[in-house]
Amino acid sequence: MLEDVRKSSITKEKAILVGIYGPETPKWLAGEYLEELELLADTAGADCEEKILQNRPHPDPSTYIGKGKLNQLKNLVGETHSDLLIFDDDLTATQIRNIEKATNTKVLDRSGLILDIFASRAKTAAAKTQVELAQLQYLLPRLTRFWTHLSRQKGGIGTKGPGETQIETDRRLVGERISTLKEKLEKLDKQRTTQRKGREGNPRVALVGYTNAGKSTLMNALTDTMVLAENRLFATLDSTVRRLELNNHDILLSDTVGFIRKLPHNLIESFKSTLDEVREADVLLHVVDASSKLIDDYIEVVETTLEELDVTGLKKVIVFNKIDLVDPSRLMELKKGFPGALFVSAERSMGLDKLQSRIELMIEEDYEPFSYKVPVEHYKAVSFLHDSGVVENEQYEENYVVIEGSIKEQDRRRFESMLEKLETALT
C-alpha cells in the first residue's frame, strides 16, 4: 500500500514540492497549482519546506525535471533536511525510481498524494474498499518490489508458476485482490441501491463542486445539522444525505466528495457508485468558492468530471459561496459574468432564502397539475399526494376527497397504480 505521509503524533514530514511550467502552463498558473499542492500536502500531514518550478516544454521522460535540476533538488534536500518530494504531475515507475535513487528521498506524485489522503479520510466500508481498489490500480503499472510481502498471504506450494519472477507474482496477487474488491463493491452497490429505493418519492438535490468550496458548510446551514466541515481539501468523502423542509417540499439534500484538478481516473471509476446520489438527483447545486482566483478553472474541472461520470442533462444552478470574503466590485463582476447564478455565504447564512426558493422552483418545473376525487377510505393514496406533490386545494364531499395540485409525471403514475390496487382490494 502507499506509504503514509499523514501527520504523526510527534512530527510532520518535511516536503519539497516540484512542478513544471511551459508553453501550455504559464508560470503564474503553475505557481497556483503548487499552492493547491501545498494544501494537499498539509491535509496529508506534511509541511512544505520549499517549492520548485522548472521551465520545460514537457517533462523529462527519465527524471521529470532534467538531470541538472535534479542535482539542485538533491542539494536542496540536504539543506532543508526534507524527507519527502511531492510532484504536481503523475510520474512513471522509471521517473520515481531515478529520482529516489538520485536524491535518496521518498517520492510521491499528485495522484499518490490524493489517494493517500482518501485512504486516511475513508470511514465507511464502501469508501475504504473504493480507495483500496483505486490505490491498487494506481500501483499496478508502477510495481517494482513494493508488494513482495503479499506473497506471504498464500501457501508456498502451487502459488507460483514455472519460472515466475517475484514481480510477476506481485502483479498476479494485486490482480487477484483487485478482482476481489470489485466483487465486494458490486455487493455494496446493491445495498446502496436498496437504501435509495427506500427514499423514493422525495425530490433529491445534490451538492457538487471543487473541493473546499464549502459544500458541507452549506449543507449544515441549510439543514441545521453537523456534517464534518473543515477548511481543508477533501473533508468529506462519503455521500451524506439530510432532509430539508422547504415551503412545499421535503427534499433529500446530498453532500458528495469534492472534485479536484487531475483527480486520479481510477479514483473517479471506483467512486462512481458512491456518486449515484449525483446521477439520480433532480437538481444539482454547483457550489463555487467566490473568493478563489481560479473560478473559471474550478468550474471547468467540475463540469469535466461530471461528464466523466455520465452526469449530463440534469437541472443545475451555480451557487457562489463565501461572498463575505469578496469585495463588492468583484461581486458585481461575478453577477454580470454568471447571470442566473446565486450568491450566498453559508458561514454567515446570507442568501439562503433565495437559494431555497430557487430549489423549489426548479423542482416544480417538472410538475403538472392534477385533480382527483378519492374515496376517503383510501387515505394512503391521499397521503401519497401530500408527500410527493404540491397540494393546493383539498375539500371533503360526502365520502370523497376532492384534491387538486401538481405532481411529477412518474409520481402521478405511481399514484394511479396505487389507487387501482386499493380499489381492487376493496372489491
Protein backbone atom coordinates (compact mmCIF):
# COMPACT_ATOMS: atom_id res chain seq x y z
CA MET A 1 0.00 0.00 0.00
CA LEU A 2 1.11 3.60 -0.41
CA GLU A 3 3.43 4.83 2.30
CA ASP A 4 1.53 7.03 4.71
CA VAL A 5 2.53 10.69 4.68
CA ARG A 6 -0.02 11.62 7.28
CA LYS A 7 0.80 13.60 10.38
CA SER A 8 2.24 11.58 13.23
CA SER A 9 1.55 12.37 16.86
CA ILE A 10 5.05 13.85 17.23
CA THR A 11 6.38 15.33 13.98
CA LYS A 12 5.26 16.15 10.45
CA GLU A 13 7.24 15.15 7.41
CA LYS A 14 9.12 17.89 5.58
CA ALA A 15 8.27 18.09 1.91
CA ILE A 16 9.61 19.84 -1.19
CA LEU A 17 7.01 20.47 -3.88
CA VAL A 18 8.02 20.25 -7.55
CA GLY A 19 6.25 21.34 -10.73
CA ILE A 20 7.00 22.47 -14.26
CA TYR A 21 5.74 25.31 -16.46
CA GLY A 22 5.98 25.92 -20.18
CA PRO A 23 4.01 26.81 -23.31
CA GLU A 24 0.78 25.15 -22.15
CA THR A 25 1.03 26.12 -18.47
CA PRO A 26 2.31 29.65 -17.75
CA LYS A 27 4.48 30.20 -14.70
CA TRP A 28 1.80 32.03 -12.70
CA LEU A 29 -0.67 29.18 -13.21
CA ALA A 30 1.92 26.54 -12.33
CA GLY A 31 2.55 28.55 -9.16
CA GLU A 32 -1.17 28.42 -8.31
CA TYR A 33 -1.12 24.68 -8.84
CA LEU A 34 1.76 24.33 -6.38
CA GLU A 35 -0.24 26.39 -3.86
CA GLU A 36 -3.01 23.82 -4.16
CA LEU A 37 -0.47 21.00 -3.89
CA GLU A 38 0.72 22.60 -0.65
CA LEU A 39 -2.85 22.44 0.69
CA LEU A 40 -2.99 18.78 -0.29
CA ALA A 41 0.32 18.13 1.47
CA ASP A 42 -0.97 19.89 4.59
CA THR A 43 -4.12 17.77 4.52
CA ALA A 44 -1.95 14.66 4.29
CA GLY A 45 0.19 15.84 7.21
CA ALA A 46 3.34 17.29 5.63
CA ASP A 47 4.96 20.71 5.97
CA CYS A 48 6.13 22.40 2.79
CA GLU A 49 9.80 23.46 3.07
CA GLU A 50 10.33 24.68 -0.50
CA LYS A 51 8.60 24.91 -3.87
CA ILE A 52 10.48 24.37 -7.13
CA LEU A 53 9.25 25.29 -10.61
CA GLN A 54 11.21 24.18 -13.66
CA ASN A 55 10.73 25.70 -17.13
CA ARG A 56 10.37 22.82 -19.58
CA PRO A 57 8.28 22.35 -22.75
CA HIS A 58 7.41 18.85 -21.48
CA PRO A 59 8.50 16.56 -18.59
CA ASP A 60 11.80 14.73 -18.99
CA PRO A 61 10.93 11.04 -19.55
CA SER A 62 13.58 9.76 -17.13
CA THR A 63 13.75 12.41 -14.37
CA TYR A 64 10.70 14.70 -14.97
CA ILE A 65 12.76 17.89 -14.34
CA GLY A 66 16.05 17.06 -16.09
CA LYS A 67 19.40 15.94 -14.64
CA GLY A 68 20.68 19.45 -13.89
CA LYS A 69 17.60 20.42 -11.89
CA LEU A 70 17.62 17.02 -10.22
CA ASN A 71 21.11 17.70 -8.86
CA GLN A 72 19.86 21.03 -7.47
CA LEU A 73 16.94 19.20 -5.90
CA LYS A 74 19.33 16.74 -4.26
CA ASN A 75 21.29 19.62 -2.69
CA LEU A 76 18.08 21.29 -1.52
CA VAL A 77 17.00 18.08 0.18
CA GLY A 78 20.23 18.13 2.17
CA GLU A 79 19.92 21.81 3.07
CA THR A 80 16.31 21.57 4.27
CA HIS A 81 16.58 18.05 5.73
CA SER A 82 13.43 17.16 3.81
CA ASP A 83 12.26 13.57 3.73
CA LEU A 84 9.60 13.75 1.02
CA LEU A 85 9.42 15.00 -2.58
CA ILE A 86 5.94 15.66 -4.00
CA PHE A 87 5.50 16.23 -7.73
CA ASP A 88 2.47 18.03 -9.17
CA ASP A 89 2.06 15.58 -12.06
CA ASP A 90 1.83 11.81 -12.23
CA LEU A 91 5.22 10.10 -12.51
CA THR A 92 6.14 6.87 -14.25
CA ALA A 93 7.81 4.00 -12.41
CA THR A 94 11.07 4.91 -14.17
CA GLN A 95 10.89 8.55 -13.08
CA ILE A 96 10.13 7.60 -9.48
CA ARG A 97 13.00 5.12 -9.38
CA ASN A 98 15.52 7.56 -10.90
CA ILE A 99 14.52 10.48 -8.66
CA GLU A 100 14.61 8.37 -5.49
CA LYS A 101 18.00 6.94 -6.47
CA ALA A 102 19.46 10.39 -7.16
CA THR A 103 18.09 12.12 -4.06
CA ASN A 104 17.85 9.17 -1.64
CA THR A 105 14.45 10.60 -0.70
CA LYS A 106 10.90 9.27 -0.77
CA VAL A 107 8.96 10.39 -3.87
CA LEU A 108 5.22 10.85 -4.24
CA ASP A 109 3.28 12.20 -7.21
CA ARG A 110 -0.01 14.08 -7.21
CA SER A 111 -2.24 11.04 -7.65
CA GLY A 112 -0.37 9.13 -4.97
CA LEU A 113 -0.83 12.02 -2.56
CA ILE A 114 -4.57 12.32 -3.28
CA LEU A 115 -5.03 8.57 -2.87
CA ASP A 116 -3.19 8.70 0.45
CA ILE A 117 -5.50 11.48 1.68
CA PHE A 118 -8.54 9.48 0.61
CA ALA A 119 -7.20 6.45 2.47
CA SER A 120 -6.86 8.49 5.66
CA ARG A 121 -10.34 10.01 5.31
CA ALA A 122 -12.30 6.91 4.31
CA LYS A 123 -14.58 5.83 7.15
CA THR A 124 -17.26 3.54 5.74
CA ALA A 125 -16.74 0.07 4.28
CA ALA A 126 -17.65 1.34 0.81
CA ALA A 127 -15.21 4.25 0.90
CA LYS A 128 -12.38 2.08 2.23
CA THR A 129 -12.98 -0.52 -0.47
CA GLN A 130 -13.15 2.10 -3.21
CA VAL A 131 -9.92 3.75 -2.08
CA GLU A 132 -8.04 0.45 -1.83
CA LEU A 133 -9.21 -0.50 -5.32
CA ALA A 134 -8.03 2.85 -6.72
CA GLN A 135 -4.68 2.50 -4.92
CA LEU A 136 -4.06 -0.96 -6.33
CA GLN A 137 -4.99 0.12 -9.86
CA TYR A 138 -2.64 3.09 -9.47
CA LEU A 139 0.23 0.94 -8.18
CA LEU A 140 -0.08 -1.95 -10.63
CA PRO A 141 1.85 -0.29 -13.50
CA ARG A 142 4.36 1.14 -11.00
CA LEU A 143 5.25 -2.14 -9.29
CA THR A 144 8.90 -2.72 -8.55
CA ARG A 145 9.29 -4.63 -5.31
CA PHE A 146 6.79 -2.71 -3.19
CA TRP A 147 4.49 -5.73 -2.94
CA THR A 148 6.89 -8.57 -2.09
CA HIS A 149 5.15 -9.07 1.27
CA LEU A 150 1.94 -10.11 -0.49
CA SER A 151 3.42 -13.46 -1.46
CA ARG A 152 3.16 -14.49 2.20
CA GLN A 153 -0.64 -14.29 2.05
CA LYS A 154 -0.82 -17.68 0.31
CA GLY A 155 0.82 -21.01 0.93
CA GLY A 156 4.09 -21.83 -0.80
CA ILE A 157 3.15 -24.92 -2.85
CA GLY A 158 1.29 -24.17 -6.05
CA THR A 159 1.34 -20.39 -5.70
CA LYS A 160 3.98 -19.74 -8.35
CA GLY A 161 4.08 -20.72 -11.98
CA PRO A 162 7.18 -22.25 -13.57
CA GLY A 163 9.92 -19.66 -13.72
CA GLU A 164 7.66 -16.94 -12.35
CA THR A 165 9.64 -13.95 -11.07
CA GLN A 166 8.77 -12.09 -7.88
CA ILE A 167 7.44 -9.10 -9.83
CA GLU A 168 5.11 -11.40 -11.79
CA THR A 169 3.92 -12.93 -8.52
CA ASP A 170 3.22 -9.50 -7.14
CA ARG A 171 1.28 -8.47 -10.22
CA ARG A 172 -0.81 -11.63 -10.04
CA LEU A 173 -1.56 -11.10 -6.35
CA VAL A 174 -2.51 -7.48 -6.93
CA GLY A 175 -4.73 -8.52 -9.84
CA GLU A 176 -6.50 -11.09 -7.67
CA ARG A 177 -7.04 -8.50 -4.93
CA ILE A 178 -8.48 -6.04 -7.48
CA SER A 179 -10.98 -8.69 -8.62
CA THR A 180 -11.99 -9.38 -5.02
CA LEU A 181 -12.52 -5.67 -4.31
CA LYS A 182 -14.62 -5.21 -7.45
CA GLU A 183 -16.89 -8.06 -6.35
CA LYS A 184 -17.19 -6.52 -2.89
CA LEU A 185 -18.09 -3.14 -4.39
CA GLU A 186 -20.83 -4.73 -6.50
CA LYS A 187 -22.43 -6.13 -3.33
CA LEU A 188 -22.13 -2.80 -1.52
CA ASP A 189 -23.61 -1.03 -4.54
CA LYS A 190 -26.67 -3.31 -4.43
CA GLN A 191 -27.13 -2.44 -0.75
CA ARG A 192 -26.96 1.29 -1.51
CA THR A 193 -29.44 0.86 -4.36
CA THR A 194 -31.87 -0.76 -1.92
CA GLN A 195 -31.38 2.13 0.52
CA ARG A 196 -32.06 4.70 -2.21
CA LYS A 197 -35.27 2.90 -3.22
CA GLY A 198 -36.48 3.38 0.34
CA ARG A 199 -36.17 7.15 -0.18
CA GLU A 200 -38.23 7.27 -3.40
CA GLY A 201 -40.86 9.96 -3.56
CA ASN A 202 -38.77 12.80 -2.16
CA PRO A 203 -37.13 15.23 -4.59
CA ARG A 204 -33.34 14.93 -4.47
CA VAL A 205 -30.86 17.77 -4.61
CA ALA A 206 -27.10 17.12 -4.71
CA LEU A 207 -24.26 19.48 -3.83
CA VAL A 208 -21.26 19.23 -6.16
CA GLY A 209 -18.19 21.40 -6.52
CA TYR A 210 -14.45 21.77 -6.31
CA THR A 211 -13.03 20.57 -3.03
CA ASN A 212 -13.09 23.15 -0.23
CA ALA A 213 -15.83 25.20 -1.92
CA GLY A 214 -17.88 24.99 1.28
CA LYS A 215 -20.43 22.31 0.35
CA SER A 216 -20.54 20.74 3.81
CA THR A 217 -20.82 24.15 5.49
CA LEU A 218 -23.71 24.97 3.15
CA MET A 219 -25.44 21.68 3.99
CA ASN A 220 -25.07 22.44 7.70
CA ALA A 221 -26.52 25.92 7.22
CA LEU A 222 -29.50 24.67 5.21
CA THR A 223 -30.38 21.61 7.31
CA ASP A 224 -29.15 22.71 10.75
CA THR A 225 -27.00 19.58 11.08
CA MET A 226 -23.37 18.93 11.94
CA VAL A 227 -21.76 17.35 8.87
CA LEU A 228 -17.96 17.48 9.13
CA ALA A 229 -16.81 20.78 7.62
CA GLU A 230 -13.12 21.71 7.71
CA ASN A 231 -11.09 24.34 5.88
CA ARG A 232 -9.14 21.54 4.24
CA LEU A 233 -9.29 19.71 0.95
CA PHE A 234 -11.41 16.55 0.92
CA ALA A 235 -13.04 17.00 4.33
CA THR A 236 -15.91 14.85 3.01
CA LEU A 237 -15.56 11.51 1.20
CA ASP A 238 -18.77 9.57 1.73
CA SER A 239 -22.05 10.93 0.44
CA THR A 240 -24.12 12.39 3.27
CA VAL A 241 -27.90 12.73 2.92
CA ARG A 242 -30.05 15.02 5.07
CA ARG A 243 -33.72 16.01 4.92
CA LEU A 244 -34.51 19.66 4.19
CA GLU A 245 -38.01 21.06 4.71
CA LEU A 246 -38.97 23.75 2.21
CA ASN A 247 -42.29 25.58 1.88
CA ASN A 248 -43.92 22.99 -0.38
CA HIS A 249 -41.48 20.09 -0.35
CA ASP A 250 -39.43 17.88 1.88
CA ILE A 251 -36.27 17.23 -0.13
CA LEU A 252 -33.25 14.99 0.34
CA LEU A 253 -30.04 17.03 0.19
CA SER A 254 -26.82 15.13 -0.61
CA ASP A 255 -23.28 16.30 0.09
CA THR A 256 -20.67 14.49 -2.01
CA VAL A 257 -16.90 14.26 -2.30
CA GLY A 258 -15.30 17.38 -3.76
CA PHE A 259 -13.67 17.28 -7.18
CA ILE A 260 -10.14 18.47 -7.89
CA ARG A 261 -7.83 19.11 -10.83
CA LYS A 262 -6.17 15.90 -12.07
CA LEU A 263 -8.36 13.70 -9.87
CA PRO A 264 -6.95 10.20 -10.49
CA HIS A 265 -9.02 8.42 -13.12
CA ASN A 266 -9.03 5.18 -11.09
CA LEU A 267 -10.47 7.10 -8.17
CA ILE A 268 -13.27 8.50 -10.33
CA GLU A 269 -14.05 5.00 -11.58
CA SER A 270 -14.09 3.40 -8.13
CA PHE A 271 -16.23 6.19 -6.64
CA LYS A 272 -18.86 6.08 -9.39
CA SER A 273 -21.25 4.05 -7.25
CA THR A 274 -20.93 6.48 -4.34
CA LEU A 275 -21.73 9.33 -6.71
CA ASP A 276 -25.00 7.71 -7.77
CA GLU A 277 -26.53 10.30 -5.43
CA VAL A 278 -25.43 12.86 -8.02
CA ARG A 279 -26.65 10.94 -11.07
CA GLU A 280 -30.08 10.36 -9.55
CA ALA A 281 -30.61 13.93 -8.34
CA ASP A 282 -33.44 16.14 -9.62
CA VAL A 283 -31.32 19.27 -9.15
CA LEU A 284 -27.57 19.87 -8.87
CA LEU A 285 -26.20 22.79 -6.87
CA HIS A 286 -22.74 23.52 -8.25
CA VAL A 287 -21.04 25.24 -5.30
CA VAL A 288 -18.15 27.56 -6.21
CA ASP A 289 -15.75 29.41 -3.92
CA ALA A 290 -16.42 33.04 -4.88
CA SER A 291 -13.15 34.15 -3.26
CA SER A 292 -10.96 31.89 -5.43
CA LYS A 293 -8.60 33.29 -8.07
CA LEU A 294 -9.25 30.30 -10.36
CA ILE A 295 -13.04 30.28 -10.55
CA ASP A 296 -13.19 29.50 -14.29
CA ASP A 297 -10.67 26.65 -13.95
CA TYR A 298 -12.51 25.13 -11.00
CA ILE A 299 -15.88 25.30 -12.76
CA GLU A 300 -14.35 23.61 -15.81
CA VAL A 301 -12.84 20.83 -13.66
CA VAL A 302 -16.22 20.10 -12.06
CA GLU A 303 -18.07 20.14 -15.39
CA THR A 304 -15.48 17.84 -16.98
CA THR A 305 -15.62 15.42 -14.05
CA LEU A 306 -19.42 15.34 -14.22
CA GLU A 307 -19.14 14.41 -17.90
CA GLU A 308 -16.74 11.58 -16.98
CA LEU A 309 -19.36 10.36 -14.52
CA ASP A 310 -22.03 10.49 -17.26
CA VAL A 311 -23.92 13.16 -15.33
CA THR A 312 -25.50 15.17 -18.12
CA GLY A 313 -28.85 16.77 -18.75
CA LEU A 314 -29.69 17.43 -15.10
CA LYS A 315 -31.02 20.75 -13.86
CA LYS A 316 -28.16 22.72 -12.42
CA VAL A 317 -27.51 26.10 -10.87
CA ILE A 318 -24.19 27.66 -9.88
CA VAL A 319 -24.10 28.77 -6.25
CA PHE A 320 -21.25 31.13 -5.40
CA ASN A 321 -20.36 30.62 -1.75
CA LYS A 322 -18.14 32.69 0.59
CA ILE A 323 -19.37 36.04 -0.77
CA ASP A 324 -18.50 37.58 2.60
CA LEU A 325 -14.85 37.20 1.54
CA VAL A 326 -15.31 39.05 -1.78
CA ASP A 327 -15.16 42.82 -2.27
CA PRO A 328 -18.28 44.48 -3.80
CA SER A 329 -16.69 45.30 -7.17
CA ARG A 330 -15.60 41.70 -7.70
CA LEU A 331 -19.06 40.51 -6.66
CA MET A 332 -20.64 42.73 -9.31
CA GLU A 333 -18.30 41.23 -11.94
CA LEU A 334 -19.37 37.73 -10.99
CA LYS A 335 -23.06 38.62 -11.14
CA LYS A 336 -22.59 40.07 -14.64
CA GLY A 337 -20.47 37.14 -15.78
CA PHE A 338 -22.79 34.46 -14.39
CA PRO A 339 -26.40 35.54 -14.90
CA GLY A 340 -28.78 33.17 -13.16
CA ALA A 341 -26.24 32.16 -10.52
CA LEU A 342 -26.99 32.51 -6.81
CA PHE A 343 -24.73 34.18 -4.26
CA VAL A 344 -24.57 33.02 -0.65
CA SER A 345 -22.41 32.84 2.43
CA ALA A 346 -23.03 29.56 4.22
CA GLU A 347 -20.80 30.70 7.08
CA ARG A 348 -22.93 33.82 7.68
CA SER A 349 -26.29 32.45 6.47
CA MET A 350 -26.53 35.05 3.68
CA GLY A 351 -28.74 34.40 0.64
CA LEU A 352 -30.10 31.06 1.87
CA ASP A 353 -33.77 32.04 1.49
CA LYS A 354 -33.26 32.84 -2.20
CA LEU A 355 -31.42 29.55 -2.64
CA GLN A 356 -34.28 27.55 -1.10
CA SER A 357 -36.84 29.38 -3.24
CA ARG A 358 -34.81 28.63 -6.38
CA ILE A 359 -34.59 24.94 -5.44
CA GLU A 360 -38.38 24.75 -5.14
CA LEU A 361 -38.90 26.48 -8.47
CA MET A 362 -36.50 24.11 -10.23
CA ILE A 363 -38.14 21.06 -8.68
CA GLU A 364 -41.62 22.20 -9.68
CA GLU A 365 -40.65 22.83 -13.32
CA ASP A 366 -41.33 19.13 -13.93
CA TYR A 367 -44.69 19.16 -12.15
CA GLU A 368 -48.04 19.01 -13.91
CA PRO A 369 -51.48 19.80 -12.49
CA PHE A 370 -53.75 17.08 -11.10
CA SER A 371 -57.32 16.86 -9.86
CA TYR A 372 -58.63 13.69 -8.22
CA LYS A 373 -61.78 12.58 -6.43
CA VAL A 374 -60.54 9.95 -3.98
CA PRO A 375 -62.71 7.80 -1.66
CA VAL A 376 -61.97 8.78 1.95
CA GLU A 377 -61.06 5.19 2.84
CA HIS A 378 -58.08 5.47 0.51
CA TYR A 379 -56.22 7.70 2.95
CA LYS A 380 -52.89 6.17 1.92
CA ALA A 381 -53.36 7.48 -1.60
CA VAL A 382 -54.24 10.95 -0.31
CA SER A 383 -51.18 10.85 1.94
CA PHE A 384 -49.04 9.92 -1.09
CA LEU A 385 -50.21 13.03 -2.94
CA HIS A 386 -49.29 15.19 0.05
CA ASP A 387 -45.85 13.59 0.32
CA SER A 388 -44.96 13.50 -3.38
CA GLY A 389 -46.72 16.54 -4.84
CA VAL A 390 -47.88 20.04 -4.02
CA VAL A 391 -51.49 20.09 -2.75
CA GLU A 392 -53.16 23.43 -3.48
CA ASN A 393 -56.78 22.64 -2.65
CA GLU A 394 -58.46 19.86 -0.67
CA GLN A 395 -62.20 19.53 0.05
CA TYR A 396 -64.33 16.77 1.53
CA GLU A 397 -67.59 15.87 -0.25
CA GLU A 398 -69.61 13.12 1.40
CA ASN A 399 -67.41 10.01 1.10
CA TYR A 400 -64.82 11.58 -1.16
CA VAL A 401 -61.84 13.91 -1.01
CA VAL A 402 -61.52 16.31 -3.92
CA ILE A 403 -57.84 17.15 -4.09
CA GLU A 404 -56.00 19.42 -6.55
CA GLY A 405 -52.40 20.39 -7.02
CA SER A 406 -49.35 19.44 -9.07
CA ILE A 407 -47.05 16.43 -9.19
CA LYS A 408 -44.29 14.84 -11.30
CA GLU A 409 -45.41 12.56 -14.10
CA GLN A 410 -43.70 9.49 -12.65
CA ASP A 411 -45.33 10.08 -9.25
CA ARG A 412 -48.70 10.60 -10.92
CA ARG A 413 -48.35 7.15 -12.50
CA ARG A 414 -47.37 5.64 -9.14
CA PHE A 415 -50.40 7.27 -7.52
CA GLU A 416 -52.83 5.97 -10.12
CA SER A 417 -51.35 2.47 -9.82
CA MET A 418 -51.72 2.66 -6.04
CA LEU A 419 -55.32 3.84 -6.38
CA GLU A 420 -56.12 0.98 -8.75
CA LYS A 421 -54.68 -1.58 -6.32
CA LEU A 422 -56.66 -0.11 -3.42
CA GLU A 423 -59.87 -0.25 -5.46
CA THR A 424 -59.19 -3.87 -6.41
CA ALA A 425 -58.55 -4.80 -2.78
CA LEU A 426 -61.97 -3.45 -1.77
CA THR A 427 -63.92 -5.33 -4.44
